[in-house]
Amino acid sequence: MTLKSYFDIALIIISIALIVMVILQNKGVGLGGLTGSDSGGFFTARRGIEKTLFWITIGASALFFILVMVAVVINK
């Protein structure tokens, strides 16, 4: 496998993980957010696992951005 293939696989894995993390953050309703149910329109403080998931999502999005930039440079 070439280096480009490794970056492509890493991008696919990170993008799927980001999709799952964003869905799970949908107002703390978990996968129930896929049904379109409204969980209210008020702000609540992030605590515990919600806060951890929030910071992991930020880290994963930064990693995704870096991988995309490296993949663009490799493809030139």
PDB file of N, CA and C in Angstrom:
ATOM      1  N   MET A   1       0.839  -1.187   0.000  1.00  0.00           N
ATOM      2  CA  MET A   1       0.000   0.000   0.000  1.00  0.00           C
ATOM      3  C   MET A   1       0.882   1.248   0.000  1.00  0.00           C
ATOM      4  N   THR A   2       0.392   2.252  -0.673  1.00  0.00           N
ATOM      5  CA  THR A   2       1.143   3.493  -0.719  1.00  0.00           C
ATOM      6  C   THR A   2       0.745   4.402   0.441  1.00  0.00           C
ATOM      7  N   LEU A   3       1.527   5.429   0.621  1.00  0.00           N
ATOM      8  CA  LEU A   3       1.245   6.407   1.679  1.00  0.00           C
ATOM      9  C   LEU A   3      -0.103   7.087   1.459  1.00  0.00           C
ATOM     10  N   LYS A   4      -0.447   7.338   0.198  1.00  0.00           N
ATOM     11  CA  LYS A   4      -1.739   7.948  -0.135  1.00  0.00           C
ATOM     12  C   LYS A   4      -2.890   7.067   0.334  1.00  0.00           C
ATOM     13  N   SER A   5      -2.750   5.769   0.193  1.00  0.00           N
ATOM     14  CA  SER A   5      -3.809   4.844   0.620  1.00  0.00           C
ATOM     15  C   SER A   5      -4.021   4.901   2.125  1.00  0.00           C
ATOM     16  N   TYR A   6      -2.939   5.005   2.875  1.00  0.00           N
ATOM     17  CA  TYR A   6      -3.057   5.095   4.328  1.00  0.00           C
ATOM     18  C   TYR A   6      -3.801   6.369   4.747  1.00  0.00           C
ATOM     19  N   PHE A   7      -3.500   7.474   4.076  1.00  0.00           N
ATOM     20  CA  PHE A   7      -4.189   8.722   4.403  1.00  0.00           C
ATOM     21  C   PHE A   7      -5.664   8.657   4.012  1.00  0.00           C
ATOM     22  N   ASP A   8      -5.960   8.004   2.886  1.00  0.00           N
ATOM     23  CA  ASP A   8      -7.359   7.863   2.478  1.00  0.00           C
ATOM     24  C   ASP A   8      -8.145   7.034   3.495  1.00  0.00           C
ATOM     25  N   ILE A   9      -7.572   5.947   3.967  1.00  0.00           N
ATOM     26  CA  ILE A   9      -8.228   5.103   4.962  1.00  0.00           C
ATOM     27  C   ILE A   9      -8.409   5.868   6.271  1.00  0.00           C
ATOM     28  N   ALA A  10      -7.387   6.610   6.682  1.00  0.00           N
ATOM     29  CA  ALA A  10      -7.470   7.394   7.917  1.00  0.00           C
ATOM     30  C   ALA A  10      -8.559   8.466   7.805  1.00  0.00           C
ATOM     31  N   LEU A  11      -8.682   9.099   6.644  1.00  0.00           N
ATOM     32  CA  LEU A  11      -9.715  10.120   6.442  1.00  0.00           C
ATOM     33  C   LEU A  11     -11.113   9.512   6.515  1.00  0.00           C
ATOM     34  N   ILE A  12     -11.287   8.337   5.959  1.00  0.00           N
ATOM     35  CA  ILE A  12     -12.597   7.681   6.014  1.00  0.00           C
ATOM     36  C   ILE A  12     -12.963   7.341   7.455  1.00  0.00           C
ATOM     37  N   ILE A  13     -12.020   6.799   8.204  1.00  0.00           N
ATOM     38  CA  ILE A  13     -12.279   6.428   9.594  1.00  0.00           C
ATOM     39  C   ILE A  13     -12.595   7.654  10.442  1.00  0.00           C
ATOM     40  N   ILE A  14     -11.802   8.716  10.301  1.00  0.00           N
ATOM     41  CA  ILE A  14     -12.021   9.938  11.077  1.00  0.00           C
ATOM     42  C   ILE A  14     -13.353  10.584  10.704  1.00  0.00           C
ATOM     43  N   SER A  15     -13.703  10.583   9.418  1.00  0.00           N
ATOM     44  CA  SER A  15     -14.962  11.210   9.015  1.00  0.00           C
ATOM     45  C   SER A  15     -16.167  10.451   9.572  1.00  0.00           C
ATOM     46  N   ILE A  16     -16.122   9.127   9.574  1.00  0.00           N
ATOM     47  CA  ILE A  16     -17.215   8.345  10.159  1.00  0.00           C
ATOM     48  C   ILE A  16     -17.301   8.595  11.659  1.00  0.00           C
ATOM     49  N   ALA A  17     -16.153   8.648  12.320  1.00  0.00           N
ATOM     50  CA  ALA A  17     -16.137   8.914  13.761  1.00  0.00           C
ATOM     51  C   ALA A  17     -16.702  10.300  14.072  1.00  0.00           C
ATOM     52  N   LEU A  18     -16.369  11.294  13.258  1.00  0.00           N
ATOM     53  CA  LEU A  18     -16.903  12.643  13.461  1.00  0.00           C
ATOM     54  C   LEU A  18     -18.415  12.678  13.283  1.00  0.00           C
ATOM     55  N   ILE A  19     -18.918  11.982  12.293  1.00  0.00           N
ATOM     56  CA  ILE A  19     -20.370  11.935  12.076  1.00  0.00           C
ATOM     57  C   ILE A  19     -21.067  11.349  13.296  1.00  0.00           C
ATOM     58  N   VAL A  20     -20.538  10.247  13.809  1.00  0.00           N
ATOM     59  CA  VAL A  20     -21.137   9.595  14.981  1.00  0.00           C
ATOM     60  C   VAL A  20     -21.075  10.509  16.200  1.00  0.00           C
ATOM     61  N   MET A  21     -19.933  11.163  16.415  1.00  0.00           N
ATOM     62  CA  MET A  21     -19.790  12.036  17.581  1.00  0.00           C
ATOM     63  C   MET A  21     -20.737  13.228  17.523  1.00  0.00           C
ATOM     64  N   VAL A  22     -20.914  13.808  16.347  1.00  0.00           N
ATOM     65  CA  VAL A  22     -21.811  14.947  16.218  1.00  0.00           C
ATOM     66  C   VAL A  22     -23.256  14.513  16.453  1.00  0.00           C
ATOM     67  N   ILE A  23     -23.627  13.357  15.953  1.00  0.00           N
ATOM     68  CA  ILE A  23     -24.984  12.853  16.187  1.00  0.00           C
ATOM     69  C   ILE A  23     -25.215  12.612  17.677  1.00  0.00           C
ATOM     70  N   LEU A  24     -24.229  12.049  18.363  1.00  0.00           N
ATOM     71  CA  LEU A  24     -24.377  11.779  19.788  1.00  0.00           C
ATOM     72  C   LEU A  24     -24.456  13.056  20.618  1.00  0.00           C
ATOM     73  N   GLN A  25     -23.946  14.166  20.095  1.00  0.00           N
ATOM     74  CA  GLN A  25     -23.981  15.426  20.834  1.00  0.00           C
ATOM     75  C   GLN A  25     -25.284  16.181  20.658  1.00  0.00           C
ATOM     76  N   ASN A  26     -26.188  15.669  19.871  1.00  0.00           N
ATOM     77  CA  ASN A  26     -27.436  16.361  19.571  1.00  0.00           C
ATOM     78  C   ASN A  26     -28.286  16.499  20.831  1.00  0.00           C
ATOM     79  N   LYS A  27     -27.984  17.507  21.633  1.00  0.00           N
ATOM     80  CA  LYS A  27     -28.723  17.844  22.863  1.00  0.00           C
ATOM     81  C   LYS A  27     -28.805  16.687  23.848  1.00  0.00           C
ATOM     82  N   GLY A  28     -27.832  15.802  23.819  1.00  0.00           N
ATOM     83  CA  GLY A  28     -27.784  14.722  24.793  1.00  0.00           C
ATOM     84  C   GLY A  28     -28.825  13.642  24.596  1.00  0.00           C
ATOM     85  N   VAL A  29     -29.410  13.548  23.413  1.00  0.00           N
ATOM     86  CA  VAL A  29     -30.432  12.541  23.191  1.00  0.00           C
ATOM     87  C   VAL A  29     -29.874  11.283  22.565  1.00  0.00           C
ATOM     88  N   GLY A  30     -28.587  11.261  22.298  1.00  0.00           N
ATOM     89  CA  GLY A  30     -27.977  10.070  21.725  1.00  0.00           C
ATOM     90  C   GLY A  30     -28.442   9.823  20.309  1.00  0.00           C
ATOM     91  N   LEU A  31     -28.589   8.572  19.952  1.00  0.00           N
ATOM     92  CA  LEU A  31     -29.009   8.223  18.601  1.00  0.00           C
ATOM     93  C   LEU A  31     -30.476   8.509  18.358  1.00  0.00           C
ATOM     94  N   GLY A  32     -31.220   8.868  19.388  1.00  0.00           N
ATOM     95  CA  GLY A  32     -32.610   9.251  19.212  1.00  0.00           C
ATOM     96  C   GLY A  32     -32.753  10.537  18.421  1.00  0.00           C
ATOM     97  N   GLY A  33     -31.675  11.294  18.283  1.00  0.00           N
ATOM     98  CA  GLY A  33     -31.706  12.518  17.505  1.00  0.00           C
ATOM     99  C   GLY A  33     -31.909  12.274  16.021  1.00  0.00           C
ATOM    100  N   LEU A  34     -31.715  11.044  15.573  1.00  0.00           N
ATOM    101  CA  LEU A  34     -31.922  10.722  14.167  1.00  0.00           C
ATOM    102  C   LEU A  34     -33.394  10.759  13.780  1.00  0.00           C
ATOM    103  N   THR A  35     -34.280  10.584  14.744  1.00  0.00           N
ATOM    104  CA  THR A  35     -35.711  10.548  14.449  1.00  0.00           C
ATOM    105  C   THR A  35     -36.291  11.933  14.243  1.00  0.00           C
ATOM    106  N   GLY A  36     -35.554  12.973  14.590  1.00  0.00           N
ATOM    107  CA  GLY A  36     -36.028  14.330  14.398  1.00  0.00           C
ATOM    108  C   GLY A  36     -36.833  14.855  15.560  1.00  0.00           C
ATOM    109  N   SER A  37     -36.793  14.178  16.677  1.00  0.00           N
ATOM    110  CA  SER A  37     -37.552  14.664  17.834  1.00  0.00           C
ATOM    111  C   SER A  37     -36.876  15.892  18.423  1.00  0.00           C
ATOM    112  N   ASP A  38     -37.678  16.864  18.849  1.00  0.00           N
ATOM    113  CA  ASP A  38     -37.154  18.101  19.413  1.00  0.00           C
ATOM    114  C   ASP A  38     -36.918  17.905  20.900  1.00  0.00           C
ATOM    115  N   SER A  39     -35.722  18.274  21.346  1.00  0.00           N
ATOM    116  CA  SER A  39     -35.394  18.070  22.756  1.00  0.00           C
ATOM    117  C   SER A  39     -35.402  19.371  23.541  1.00  0.00           C
ATOM    118  N   GLY A  40     -35.998  20.397  23.005  1.00  0.00           N
ATOM    119  CA  GLY A  40     -36.076  21.663  23.723  1.00  0.00           C
ATOM    120  C   GLY A  40     -35.120  22.684  23.150  1.00  0.00           C
ATOM    121  N   GLY A  41     -35.364  23.935  23.476  1.00  0.00           N
ATOM    122  CA  GLY A  41     -34.545  24.988  22.917  1.00  0.00           C
ATOM    123  C   GLY A  41     -33.776  25.751  23.971  1.00  0.00           C
ATOM    124  N   PHE A  42     -33.247  25.067  24.964  1.00  0.00           N
ATOM    125  CA  PHE A  42     -32.511  25.762  26.008  1.00  0.00           C
ATOM    126  C   PHE A  42     -31.093  25.218  26.119  1.00  0.00           C
ATOM    127  N   PHE A  43     -30.217  26.056  26.647  1.00  0.00           N
ATOM    128  CA  PHE A  43     -28.805  25.696  26.795  1.00  0.00           C
ATOM    129  C   PHE A  43     -28.572  25.030  28.139  1.00  0.00           C
ATOM    130  N   THR A  44     -27.836  23.933  28.115  1.00  0.00           N
ATOM    131  CA  THR A  44     -27.429  23.290  29.364  1.00  0.00           C
ATOM    132  C   THR A  44     -25.919  23.153  29.367  1.00  0.00           C
ATOM    133  N   ALA A  45     -25.325  23.215  30.532  1.00  0.00           N
ATOM    134  CA  ALA A  45     -23.872  23.088  30.655  1.00  0.00           C
ATOM    135  C   ALA A  45     -23.459  21.650  30.381  1.00  0.00           C
ATOM    136  N   ARG A  46     -22.326  21.506  29.710  1.00  0.00           N
ATOM    137  CA  ARG A  46     -21.805  20.170  29.444  1.00  0.00           C
ATOM    138  C   ARG A  46     -21.097  19.651  30.693  1.00  0.00           C
ATOM    139  N   ARG A  47     -21.438  18.441  31.074  1.00  0.00           N
ATOM    140  CA  ARG A  47     -20.801  17.813  32.229  1.00  0.00           C
ATOM    141  C   ARG A  47     -20.511  16.362  31.898  1.00  0.00           C
ATOM    142  N   GLY A  48     -19.504  15.829  32.536  1.00  0.00           N
ATOM    143  CA  GLY A  48     -19.201  14.412  32.426  1.00  0.00           C
ATOM    144  C   GLY A  48     -18.874  13.975  31.017  1.00  0.00           C
ATOM    145  N   ILE A  49     -19.594  12.962  30.559  1.00  0.00           N
ATOM    146  CA  ILE A  49     -19.321  12.366  29.255  1.00  0.00           C
ATOM    147  C   ILE A  49     -19.619  13.327  28.111  1.00  0.00           C
ATOM    148  N   GLU A  50     -20.596  14.217  28.286  1.00  0.00           N
ATOM    149  CA  GLU A  50     -20.893  15.199  27.239  1.00  0.00           C
ATOM    150  C   GLU A  50     -19.712  16.129  27.015  1.00  0.00           C
ATOM    151  N   LYS A  51     -19.081  16.554  28.082  1.00  0.00           N
ATOM    152  CA  LYS A  51     -17.926  17.448  27.985  1.00  0.00           C
ATOM    153  C   LYS A  51     -16.752  16.714  27.334  1.00  0.00           C
ATOM    154  N   THR A  52     -16.554  15.466  27.732  1.00  0.00           N
ATOM    155  CA  THR A  52     -15.474  14.674  27.155  1.00  0.00           C
ATOM    156  C   THR A  52     -15.706  14.454  25.665  1.00  0.00           C
ATOM    157  N   LEU A  53     -16.921  14.116  25.279  1.00  0.00           N
ATOM    158  CA  LEU A  53     -17.252  13.907  23.873  1.00  0.00           C
ATOM    159  C   LEU A  53     -17.074  15.194  23.075  1.00  0.00           C
ATOM    160  N   PHE A  54     -17.407  16.323  23.676  1.00  0.00           N
ATOM    161  CA  PHE A  54     -17.231  17.624  23.040  1.00  0.00           C
ATOM    162  C   PHE A  54     -15.757  17.870  22.712  1.00  0.00           C
ATOM    163  N   TRP A  55     -14.873  17.642  23.677  1.00  0.00           N
ATOM    164  CA  TRP A  55     -13.446  17.880  23.457  1.00  0.00           C
ATOM    165  C   TRP A  55     -12.830  16.852  22.507  1.00  0.00           C
ATOM    166  N   ILE A  56     -13.300  15.623  22.546  1.00  0.00           N
ATOM    167  CA  ILE A  56     -12.807  14.611  21.612  1.00  0.00           C
ATOM    168  C   ILE A  56     -13.229  14.979  20.184  1.00  0.00           C
ATOM    169  N   THR A  57     -14.432  15.518  20.026  1.00  0.00           N
ATOM    170  CA  THR A  57     -14.899  15.944  18.710  1.00  0.00           C
ATOM    171  C   THR A  57     -14.041  17.073  18.160  1.00  0.00           C
ATOM    172  N   ILE A  58     -13.670  18.004  19.011  1.00  0.00           N
ATOM    173  CA  ILE A  58     -12.798  19.104  18.577  1.00  0.00           C
ATOM    174  C   ILE A  58     -11.437  18.557  18.144  1.00  0.00           C
ATOM    175  N   GLY A  59     -10.888  17.641  18.919  1.00  0.00           N
ATOM    176  CA  GLY A  59      -9.606  17.032  18.564  1.00  0.00           C
ATOM    177  C   GLY A  59      -9.679  16.239  17.272  1.00  0.00           C
ATOM    178  N   ALA A  60     -10.761  15.488  17.094  1.00  0.00           N
ATOM    179  CA  ALA A  60     -10.926  14.702  15.874  1.00  0.00           C
ATOM    180  C   ALA A  60     -11.093  15.595  14.649  1.00  0.00           C
ATOM    181  N   SER A  61     -11.785  16.720  14.816  1.00  0.00           N
ATOM    182  CA  SER A  61     -11.948  17.630  13.675  1.00  0.00           C
ATOM    183  C   SER A  61     -10.614  18.297  13.316  1.00  0.00           C
ATOM    184  N   ALA A  62      -9.799  18.608  14.309  1.00  0.00           N
ATOM    185  CA  ALA A  62      -8.470  19.162  14.028  1.00  0.00           C
ATOM    186  C   ALA A  62      -7.601  18.129  13.312  1.00  0.00           C
ATOM    187  N   LEU A  63      -7.664  16.879  13.767  1.00  0.00           N
ATOM    188  CA  LEU A  63      -6.918  15.801  13.116  1.00  0.00           C
ATOM    189  C   LEU A  63      -7.389  15.606  11.680  1.00  0.00           C
ATOM    190  N   PHE A  64      -8.694  15.673  11.458  1.00  0.00           N
ATOM    191  CA  PHE A  64      -9.249  15.550  10.110  1.00  0.00           C
ATOM    192  C   PHE A  64      -8.714  16.661   9.208  1.00  0.00           C
ATOM    193  N   PHE A  65      -8.706  17.896   9.727  1.00  0.00           N
ATOM    194  CA  PHE A  65      -8.202  19.032   8.953  1.00  0.00           C
ATOM    195  C   PHE A  65      -6.734  18.833   8.577  1.00  0.00           C
ATOM    196  N   ILE A  66      -5.924  18.384   9.530  1.00  0.00           N
ATOM    197  CA  ILE A  66      -4.500  18.155   9.268  1.00  0.00           C
ATOM    198  C   ILE A  66      -4.312  17.049   8.232  1.00  0.00           C
ATOM    199  N   LEU A  67      -5.088  15.959   8.372  1.00  0.00           N
ATOM    200  CA  LEU A  67      -4.983  14.865   7.408  1.00  0.00           C
ATOM    201  C   LEU A  67      -5.377  15.305   6.003  1.00  0.00           C
ATOM    202  N   VAL A  68      -6.385  16.151   5.891  1.00  0.00           N
ATOM    203  CA  VAL A  68      -6.794  16.649   4.581  1.00  0.00           C
ATOM    204  C   VAL A  68      -5.680  17.492   3.966  1.00  0.00           C
ATOM    205  N   MET A  69      -5.062  18.362   4.766  1.00  0.00           N
ATOM    206  CA  MET A  69      -3.982  19.196   4.255  1.00  0.00           C
ATOM    207  C   MET A  69      -2.789  18.338   3.787  1.00  0.00           C
ATOM    208  N   VAL A  70      -2.451  17.319   4.560  1.00  0.00           N
ATOM    209  CA  VAL A  70      -1.347  16.433   4.176  1.00  0.00           C
ATOM    210  C   VAL A  70      -1.714  15.648   2.913  1.00  0.00           C
ATOM    211  N   ALA A  71      -2.958  15.195   2.822  1.00  0.00           N
ATOM    212  CA  ALA A  71      -3.386  14.448   1.637  1.00  0.00           C
ATOM    213  C   ALA A  71      -3.337  15.320   0.384  1.00  0.00           C
ATOM    214  N   VAL A  72      -3.673  16.588   0.525  1.00  0.00           N
ATOM    215  CA  VAL A  72      -3.606  17.510  -0.616  1.00  0.00           C
ATOM    216  C   VAL A  72      -2.165  17.681  -1.064  1.00  0.00           C
ATOM    217  N   VAL A  73      -1.250  17.813  -0.111  1.00  0.00           N
ATOM    218  CA  VAL A  73       0.168  17.974  -0.458  1.00  0.00           C
ATOM    219  C   VAL A  73       0.707  16.709  -1.113  1.00  0.00           C
ATOM    220  N   ILE A  74       0.302  15.545  -0.609  1.00  0.00           N
ATOM    221  CA  ILE A  74       0.783  14.282  -1.175  1.00  0.00           C
ATOM    222  C   ILE A  74       0.270  14.091  -2.602  1.00  0.00           C
ATOM    223  N   ASN A  75      -0.948  14.523  -2.880  1.00  0.00           N
ATOM    224  CA  ASN A  75      -1.536  14.315  -4.208  1.00  0.00           C
ATOM    225  C   ASN A  75      -0.997  15.264  -5.272  1.00  0.00           C
ATOM    226  N   LYS A  76      -0.204  16.240  -4.909  1.00  0.00           N
ATOM    227  CA  LYS A  76       0.362  17.166  -5.904  1.00  0.00           C
ATOM    228  C   LYS A  76       1.451  16.525  -6.699  1.00  0.00           C
TER     229      LYS A  76
END
